[in-house]
């Protein structure tokens, strides 16, 4: 009996359950129910919660899974050494907008529903955004774009700005994406030249 419980909590099984959650959220949107996620996985809600501790644990596992993917896409773009700042800014912004627009339901589920419903998930998402700002600030400082304090201010400002504009753009898709990207890149490069 213990072997069954341990096997049920294996990393492979957790991955299968997260895959089921992804499918439901992509299909049904940010209002996807825990019952629908459990049904997709062929289990009951109590068994789903047993694998993650509770609903918050599931939210946090999904947040970790998907924010890691986004960070791994963005990191190479803004960390390209010696590349033109405007080119890097545009590439990073485009990579971010690509990711959130292709994964719209997951993005809304994590940043709007899960973050609003669960303080631990909100804290985790905020910490991830904050660490990305710190990382970008460190890149600016290493390249001598700004002194270390100003580099951190700019790193956090740019990450927050791009996230906020991305959120706005998702609600205003009639606005030309190139206009959004160019406007953000203009602001970023202008701030870095001061």
C-alpha atoms as a PDB file:
ATOM      1  CA  UNK A   1       0.000   0.000   0.000  1.00  0.00           C
ATOM      2  CA  UNK A   2       2.800   2.448   0.872  1.00  0.00           C
ATOM      3  CA  UNK A   3       4.462   1.717  -2.458  1.00  0.00           C
ATOM      4  CA  UNK A   4       1.286   2.802  -4.267  1.00  0.00           C
ATOM      5  CA  UNK A   5       1.176   6.111  -2.384  1.00  0.00           C
ATOM      6  CA  UNK A   6       4.853   6.752  -3.061  1.00  0.00           C
ATOM      7  CA  UNK A   7       4.453   5.865  -6.719  1.00  0.00           C
ATOM      8  CA  UNK A   8       1.454   8.227  -6.926  1.00  0.00           C
ATOM      9  CA  UNK A   9       3.654  11.080  -5.723  1.00  0.00           C
ATOM     10  CA  UNK A  10       6.511  10.369  -8.086  1.00  0.00           C
ATOM     11  CA  UNK A  11       7.915  13.202 -10.196  1.00  0.00           C
ATOM     12  CA  UNK A  12       6.572  11.490 -13.313  1.00  0.00           C
ATOM     13  CA  UNK A  13       3.049  11.347 -11.882  1.00  0.00           C
ATOM     14  CA  UNK A  14       3.211  14.998 -10.788  1.00  0.00           C
ATOM     15  CA  UNK A  15       4.322  15.889 -14.320  1.00  0.00           C
ATOM     16  CA  UNK A  16       1.365  13.949 -15.764  1.00  0.00           C
ATOM     17  CA  UNK A  17      -1.024  15.799 -13.441  1.00  0.00           C
ATOM     18  CA  UNK A  18       0.485  19.164 -14.370  1.00  0.00           C
ATOM     19  CA  UNK A  19       0.144  18.206 -18.046  1.00  0.00           C
ATOM     20  CA  UNK A  20      -3.549  17.475 -17.416  1.00  0.00           C
ATOM     21  CA  UNK A  21      -3.943  20.837 -15.660  1.00  0.00           C
ATOM     22  CA  UNK A  22      -2.254  22.565 -18.598  1.00  0.00           C
ATOM     23  CA  UNK A  23      -4.616  20.925 -21.085  1.00  0.00           C
ATOM     24  CA  UNK A  24      -7.721  21.930 -19.138  1.00  0.00           C
ATOM     25  CA  UNK A  25      -6.549  25.495 -18.537  1.00  0.00           C
ATOM     26  CA  UNK A  26      -5.559  25.955 -22.182  1.00  0.00           C
ATOM     27  CA  UNK A  27      -8.939  24.612 -23.273  1.00  0.00           C
ATOM     28  CA  UNK A  28     -11.261  26.172 -20.672  1.00  0.00           C
ATOM     29  CA  UNK A  29      -9.381  29.316 -19.719  1.00  0.00           C
ATOM     30  CA  UNK A  30      -8.567  30.858 -16.365  1.00  0.00           C
ATOM     31  CA  UNK A  31     -11.879  29.751 -14.839  1.00  0.00           C
ATOM     32  CA  UNK A  32     -10.986  26.048 -15.249  1.00  0.00           C
ATOM     33  CA  UNK A  33     -12.171  24.092 -12.235  1.00  0.00           C
ATOM     34  CA  UNK A  34     -10.166  21.746 -10.061  1.00  0.00           C
ATOM     35  CA  UNK A  35     -12.848  19.122 -10.759  1.00  0.00           C
ATOM     36  CA  UNK A  36     -12.200  19.433 -14.513  1.00  0.00           C
ATOM     37  CA  UNK A  37      -8.446  19.123 -13.956  1.00  0.00           C
ATOM     38  CA  UNK A  38      -8.950  16.023 -11.805  1.00  0.00           C
ATOM     39  CA  UNK A  39     -11.325  14.496 -14.391  1.00  0.00           C
ATOM     40  CA  UNK A  40      -8.793  15.158 -17.178  1.00  0.00           C
ATOM     41  CA  UNK A  41      -6.212  13.278 -15.112  1.00  0.00           C
ATOM     42  CA  UNK A  42      -8.668  10.435 -14.427  1.00  0.00           C
ATOM     43  CA  UNK A  43      -8.690  11.013 -10.662  1.00  0.00           C
ATOM     44  CA  UNK A  44     -10.802  12.767  -8.025  1.00  0.00           C
ATOM     45  CA  UNK A  45     -10.145  16.217  -6.549  1.00  0.00           C
ATOM     46  CA  UNK A  46      -8.984  14.808  -3.186  1.00  0.00           C
ATOM     47  CA  UNK A  47      -6.421  12.642  -4.974  1.00  0.00           C
ATOM     48  CA  UNK A  48      -5.302  15.632  -7.060  1.00  0.00           C
ATOM     49  CA  UNK A  49      -4.837  17.673  -3.886  1.00  0.00           C
ATOM     50  CA  UNK A  50      -2.997  14.798  -2.221  1.00  0.00           C
ATOM     51  CA  UNK A  51      -0.282  15.100  -4.867  1.00  0.00           C
ATOM     52  CA  UNK A  52       0.177  18.840  -4.301  1.00  0.00           C
ATOM     53  CA  UNK A  53      -0.911  19.291  -0.687  1.00  0.00           C
ATOM     54  CA  UNK A  54      -3.848  21.519  -1.646  1.00  0.00           C
ATOM     55  CA  UNK A  55      -5.081  23.824  -4.403  1.00  0.00           C
ATOM     56  CA  UNK A  56      -2.353  26.324  -3.515  1.00  0.00           C
ATOM     57  CA  UNK A  57       0.290  23.636  -4.042  1.00  0.00           C
ATOM     58  CA  UNK A  58      -1.085  22.934  -7.510  1.00  0.00           C
ATOM     59  CA  UNK A  59      -1.100  26.654  -8.326  1.00  0.00           C
ATOM     60  CA  UNK A  60       2.481  26.996  -7.154  1.00  0.00           C
ATOM     61  CA  UNK A  61       3.647  23.957  -9.134  1.00  0.00           C
ATOM     62  CA  UNK A  62       2.042  25.391 -12.279  1.00  0.00           C
ATOM     63  CA  UNK A  63       3.579  28.811 -11.599  1.00  0.00           C
ATOM     64  CA  UNK A  64       7.044  27.339 -11.164  1.00  0.00           C
ATOM     65  CA  UNK A  65       6.703  25.228 -14.284  1.00  0.00           C
ATOM     66  CA  UNK A  66       5.601  28.038 -16.575  1.00  0.00           C
ATOM     67  CA  UNK A  67       7.600  30.950 -15.225  1.00  0.00           C
ATOM     68  CA  UNK A  68      10.766  28.883 -15.583  1.00  0.00           C
ATOM     69  CA  UNK A  69       9.935  28.449 -19.286  1.00  0.00           C
ATOM     70  CA  UNK A  70       9.378  32.206 -19.728  1.00  0.00           C
ATOM     71  CA  UNK A  71      12.571  33.111 -17.900  1.00  0.00           C
ATOM     72  CA  UNK A  72      14.562  30.614 -19.953  1.00  0.00           C
ATOM     73  CA  UNK A  73      13.229  32.259 -23.132  1.00  0.00           C
ATOM     74  CA  UNK A  74      13.915  35.822 -21.969  1.00  0.00           C
ATOM     75  CA  UNK A  75      17.306  35.335 -20.324  1.00  0.00           C
ATOM     76  CA  UNK A  76      19.286  34.725 -23.543  1.00  0.00           C
ATOM     77  CA  UNK A  77      17.666  37.735 -25.208  1.00  0.00           C
ATOM     78  CA  UNK A  78      18.574  40.327 -22.610  1.00  0.00           C
ATOM     79  CA  UNK A  79      21.905  38.748 -21.742  1.00  0.00           C
ATOM     80  CA  UNK A  80      23.423  38.872 -25.238  1.00  0.00           C
ATOM     81  CA  UNK A  81      26.697  40.655 -24.533  1.00  0.00           C
ATOM     82  CA  UNK A  82      27.646  43.671 -26.567  1.00  0.00           C
ATOM     83  CA  UNK A  83      24.502  43.505 -28.686  1.00  0.00           C
ATOM     84  CA  UNK A  84      22.774  46.781 -29.535  1.00  0.00           C
ATOM     85  CA  UNK A  85      20.482  47.713 -26.634  1.00  0.00           C
ATOM     86  CA  UNK A  86      17.494  48.523 -28.839  1.00  0.00           C
ATOM     87  CA  UNK A  87      17.838  45.234 -30.705  1.00  0.00           C
ATOM     88  CA  UNK A  88      18.056  43.363 -27.397  1.00  0.00           C
ATOM     89  CA  UNK A  89      15.079  45.244 -25.950  1.00  0.00           C
ATOM     90  CA  UNK A  90      12.955  44.489 -29.007  1.00  0.00           C
ATOM     91  CA  UNK A  91      13.952  40.808 -29.012  1.00  0.00           C
ATOM     92  CA  UNK A  92      13.200  40.431 -25.306  1.00  0.00           C
ATOM     93  CA  UNK A  93       9.843  42.216 -25.545  1.00  0.00           C
ATOM     94  CA  UNK A  94       8.873  40.168 -28.602  1.00  0.00           C
ATOM     95  CA  UNK A  95       9.844  36.915 -26.859  1.00  0.00           C
ATOM     96  CA  UNK A  96       7.693  37.878 -23.868  1.00  0.00           C
ATOM     97  CA  UNK A  97       4.683  38.903 -25.965  1.00  0.00           C
ATOM     98  CA  UNK A  98       5.015  35.721 -28.045  1.00  0.00           C
ATOM     99  CA  UNK A  99       4.957  33.603 -24.923  1.00  0.00           C
ATOM    100  CA  UNK A 100       2.007  35.244 -23.188  1.00  0.00           C
ATOM    101  CA  UNK A 101      -0.103  35.487 -26.349  1.00  0.00           C
ATOM    102  CA  UNK A 102       0.449  31.843 -27.309  1.00  0.00           C
ATOM    103  CA  UNK A 103      -0.278  30.754 -23.735  1.00  0.00           C
ATOM    104  CA  UNK A 104      -3.002  33.294 -23.019  1.00  0.00           C
ATOM    105  CA  UNK A 105      -5.211  31.089 -20.850  1.00  0.00           C
ATOM    106  CA  UNK A 106      -2.272  29.847 -18.784  1.00  0.00           C
ATOM    107  CA  UNK A 107      -0.987  33.403 -18.367  1.00  0.00           C
ATOM    108  CA  UNK A 108      -4.372  34.644 -17.188  1.00  0.00           C
ATOM    109  CA  UNK A 109      -4.810  31.650 -14.910  1.00  0.00           C
ATOM    110  CA  UNK A 110      -1.456  32.189 -13.199  1.00  0.00           C
ATOM    111  CA  UNK A 111      -1.253  35.972 -13.048  1.00  0.00           C
ATOM    112  CA  UNK A 112      -4.906  36.771 -12.510  1.00  0.00           C
ATOM    113  CA  UNK A 113      -6.815  33.873 -10.985  1.00  0.00           C
ATOM    114  CA  UNK A 114      -4.184  31.932  -9.035  1.00  0.00           C
ATOM    115  CA  UNK A 115      -2.383  35.066  -7.910  1.00  0.00           C
ATOM    116  CA  UNK A 116      -5.646  36.646  -6.760  1.00  0.00           C
ATOM    117  CA  UNK A 117      -7.011  33.542  -5.022  1.00  0.00           C
ATOM    118  CA  UNK A 118      -3.861  32.396  -3.292  1.00  0.00           C
ATOM    119  CA  UNK A 119      -1.450  34.620  -1.384  1.00  0.00           C
ATOM    120  CA  UNK A 120       1.381  32.065  -1.552  1.00  0.00           C
ATOM    121  CA  UNK A 121       1.115  31.885  -5.341  1.00  0.00           C
ATOM    122  CA  UNK A 122       0.929  35.684  -5.538  1.00  0.00           C
ATOM    123  CA  UNK A 123       4.069  35.919  -3.402  1.00  0.00           C
ATOM    124  CA  UNK A 124       5.829  33.312  -5.534  1.00  0.00           C
ATOM    125  CA  UNK A 125       4.912  35.064  -8.803  1.00  0.00           C
ATOM    126  CA  UNK A 126       6.015  38.430  -7.380  1.00  0.00           C
ATOM    127  CA  UNK A 127       9.326  36.902  -6.268  1.00  0.00           C
ATOM    128  CA  UNK A 128       9.937  35.493  -9.737  1.00  0.00           C
ATOM    129  CA  UNK A 129       9.221  38.857 -11.381  1.00  0.00           C
ATOM    130  CA  UNK A 130      11.454  40.553  -8.801  1.00  0.00           C
ATOM    131  CA  UNK A 131      14.313  38.104  -9.451  1.00  0.00           C
ATOM    132  CA  UNK A 132      14.031  38.746 -13.181  1.00  0.00           C
ATOM    133  CA  UNK A 133      14.306  42.492 -12.488  1.00  0.00           C
ATOM    134  CA  UNK A 134      17.384  41.867 -10.335  1.00  0.00           C
ATOM    135  CA  UNK A 135      18.939  39.734 -13.032  1.00  0.00           C
ATOM    136  CA  UNK A 136      18.345  42.367 -15.693  1.00  0.00           C
ATOM    137  CA  UNK A 137      19.748  45.023 -13.354  1.00  0.00           C
ATOM    138  CA  UNK A 138      22.864  42.919 -12.847  1.00  0.00           C
ATOM    139  CA  UNK A 139      23.305  42.662 -16.629  1.00  0.00           C
ATOM    140  CA  UNK A 140      23.100  46.463 -16.909  1.00  0.00           C
ATOM    141  CA  UNK A 141      25.618  46.926 -14.085  1.00  0.00           C
ATOM    142  CA  UNK A 142      28.056  44.356 -15.534  1.00  0.00           C
ATOM    143  CA  UNK A 143      27.951  46.085 -18.908  1.00  0.00           C
ATOM    144  CA  UNK A 144      28.529  49.482 -17.315  1.00  0.00           C
ATOM    145  CA  UNK A 145      25.223  50.805 -18.636  1.00  0.00           C
ATOM    146  CA  UNK A 146      24.505  52.280 -15.204  1.00  0.00           C
ATOM    147  CA  UNK A 147      25.899  52.254 -11.685  1.00  0.00           C
ATOM    148  CA  UNK A 148      24.710  49.237  -9.644  1.00  0.00           C
ATOM    149  CA  UNK A 149      21.847  51.030  -7.855  1.00  0.00           C
ATOM    150  CA  UNK A 150      20.502  52.717 -10.988  1.00  0.00           C
ATOM    151  CA  UNK A 151      20.926  49.429 -12.875  1.00  0.00           C
ATOM    152  CA  UNK A 152      18.686  47.684 -10.325  1.00  0.00           C
ATOM    153  CA  UNK A 153      16.084  50.456 -10.507  1.00  0.00           C
ATOM    154  CA  UNK A 154      16.043  50.227 -14.294  1.00  0.00           C
ATOM    155  CA  UNK A 155      15.968  46.415 -14.319  1.00  0.00           C
ATOM    156  CA  UNK A 156      12.907  46.317 -12.068  1.00  0.00           C
ATOM    157  CA  UNK A 157      11.242  49.214 -13.882  1.00  0.00           C
ATOM    158  CA  UNK A 158      11.666  47.579 -17.284  1.00  0.00           C
ATOM    159  CA  UNK A 159      10.429  44.161 -16.162  1.00  0.00           C
ATOM    160  CA  UNK A 160       7.378  45.715 -14.486  1.00  0.00           C
ATOM    161  CA  UNK A 161       6.689  47.969 -17.441  1.00  0.00           C
ATOM    162  CA  UNK A 162       6.892  45.165 -19.999  1.00  0.00           C
ATOM    163  CA  UNK A 163       4.673  42.926 -17.865  1.00  0.00           C
ATOM    164  CA  UNK A 164       2.069  45.694 -17.412  1.00  0.00           C
ATOM    165  CA  UNK A 165       2.077  46.652 -21.094  1.00  0.00           C
ATOM    166  CA  UNK A 166       1.885  42.993 -22.095  1.00  0.00           C
ATOM    167  CA  UNK A 167      -1.181  42.604 -19.908  1.00  0.00           C
ATOM    168  CA  UNK A 168      -2.734  45.717 -21.457  1.00  0.00           C
ATOM    169  CA  UNK A 169      -1.894  44.588 -24.998  1.00  0.00           C
ATOM    170  CA  UNK A 170      -3.623  41.233 -24.440  1.00  0.00           C
ATOM    171  CA  UNK A 171      -6.822  43.182 -23.779  1.00  0.00           C
ATOM    172  CA  UNK A 172      -6.233  45.550 -26.718  1.00  0.00           C
ATOM    173  CA  UNK A 173      -5.115  43.233 -29.519  1.00  0.00           C
ATOM    174  CA  UNK A 174      -6.350  45.714 -32.124  1.00  0.00           C
ATOM    175  CA  UNK A 175      -3.266  47.824 -31.262  1.00  0.00           C
ATOM    176  CA  UNK A 176      -0.461  46.971 -33.654  1.00  0.00           C
ATOM    177  CA  UNK A 177       2.065  44.811 -31.833  1.00  0.00           C
ATOM    178  CA  UNK A 178       5.032  46.439 -33.586  1.00  0.00           C
ATOM    179  CA  UNK A 179       3.855  49.807 -32.262  1.00  0.00           C
ATOM    180  CA  UNK A 180       3.776  48.392 -28.734  1.00  0.00           C
ATOM    181  CA  UNK A 181       7.221  46.804 -29.069  1.00  0.00           C
ATOM    182  CA  UNK A 182       8.772  49.907 -30.638  1.00  0.00           C
ATOM    183  CA  UNK A 183       7.240  52.176 -27.986  1.00  0.00           C
ATOM    184  CA  UNK A 184       8.616  50.036 -25.165  1.00  0.00           C
ATOM    185  CA  UNK A 185      12.014  49.732 -26.836  1.00  0.00           C
ATOM    186  CA  UNK A 186      12.122  53.533 -27.259  1.00  0.00           C
ATOM    187  CA  UNK A 187      11.436  54.082 -23.553  1.00  0.00           C
ATOM    188  CA  UNK A 188      14.004  51.495 -22.486  1.00  0.00           C
ATOM    189  CA  UNK A 189      16.792  52.723 -24.753  1.00  0.00           C
ATOM    190  CA  UNK A 190      16.100  56.362 -23.887  1.00  0.00           C
ATOM    191  CA  UNK A 191      16.321  55.585 -20.155  1.00  0.00           C
ATOM    192  CA  UNK A 192      19.589  53.714 -20.646  1.00  0.00           C
ATOM    193  CA  UNK A 193      21.180  56.606 -22.525  1.00  0.00           C
ATOM    194  CA  UNK A 194      20.541  59.120 -19.724  1.00  0.00           C
END
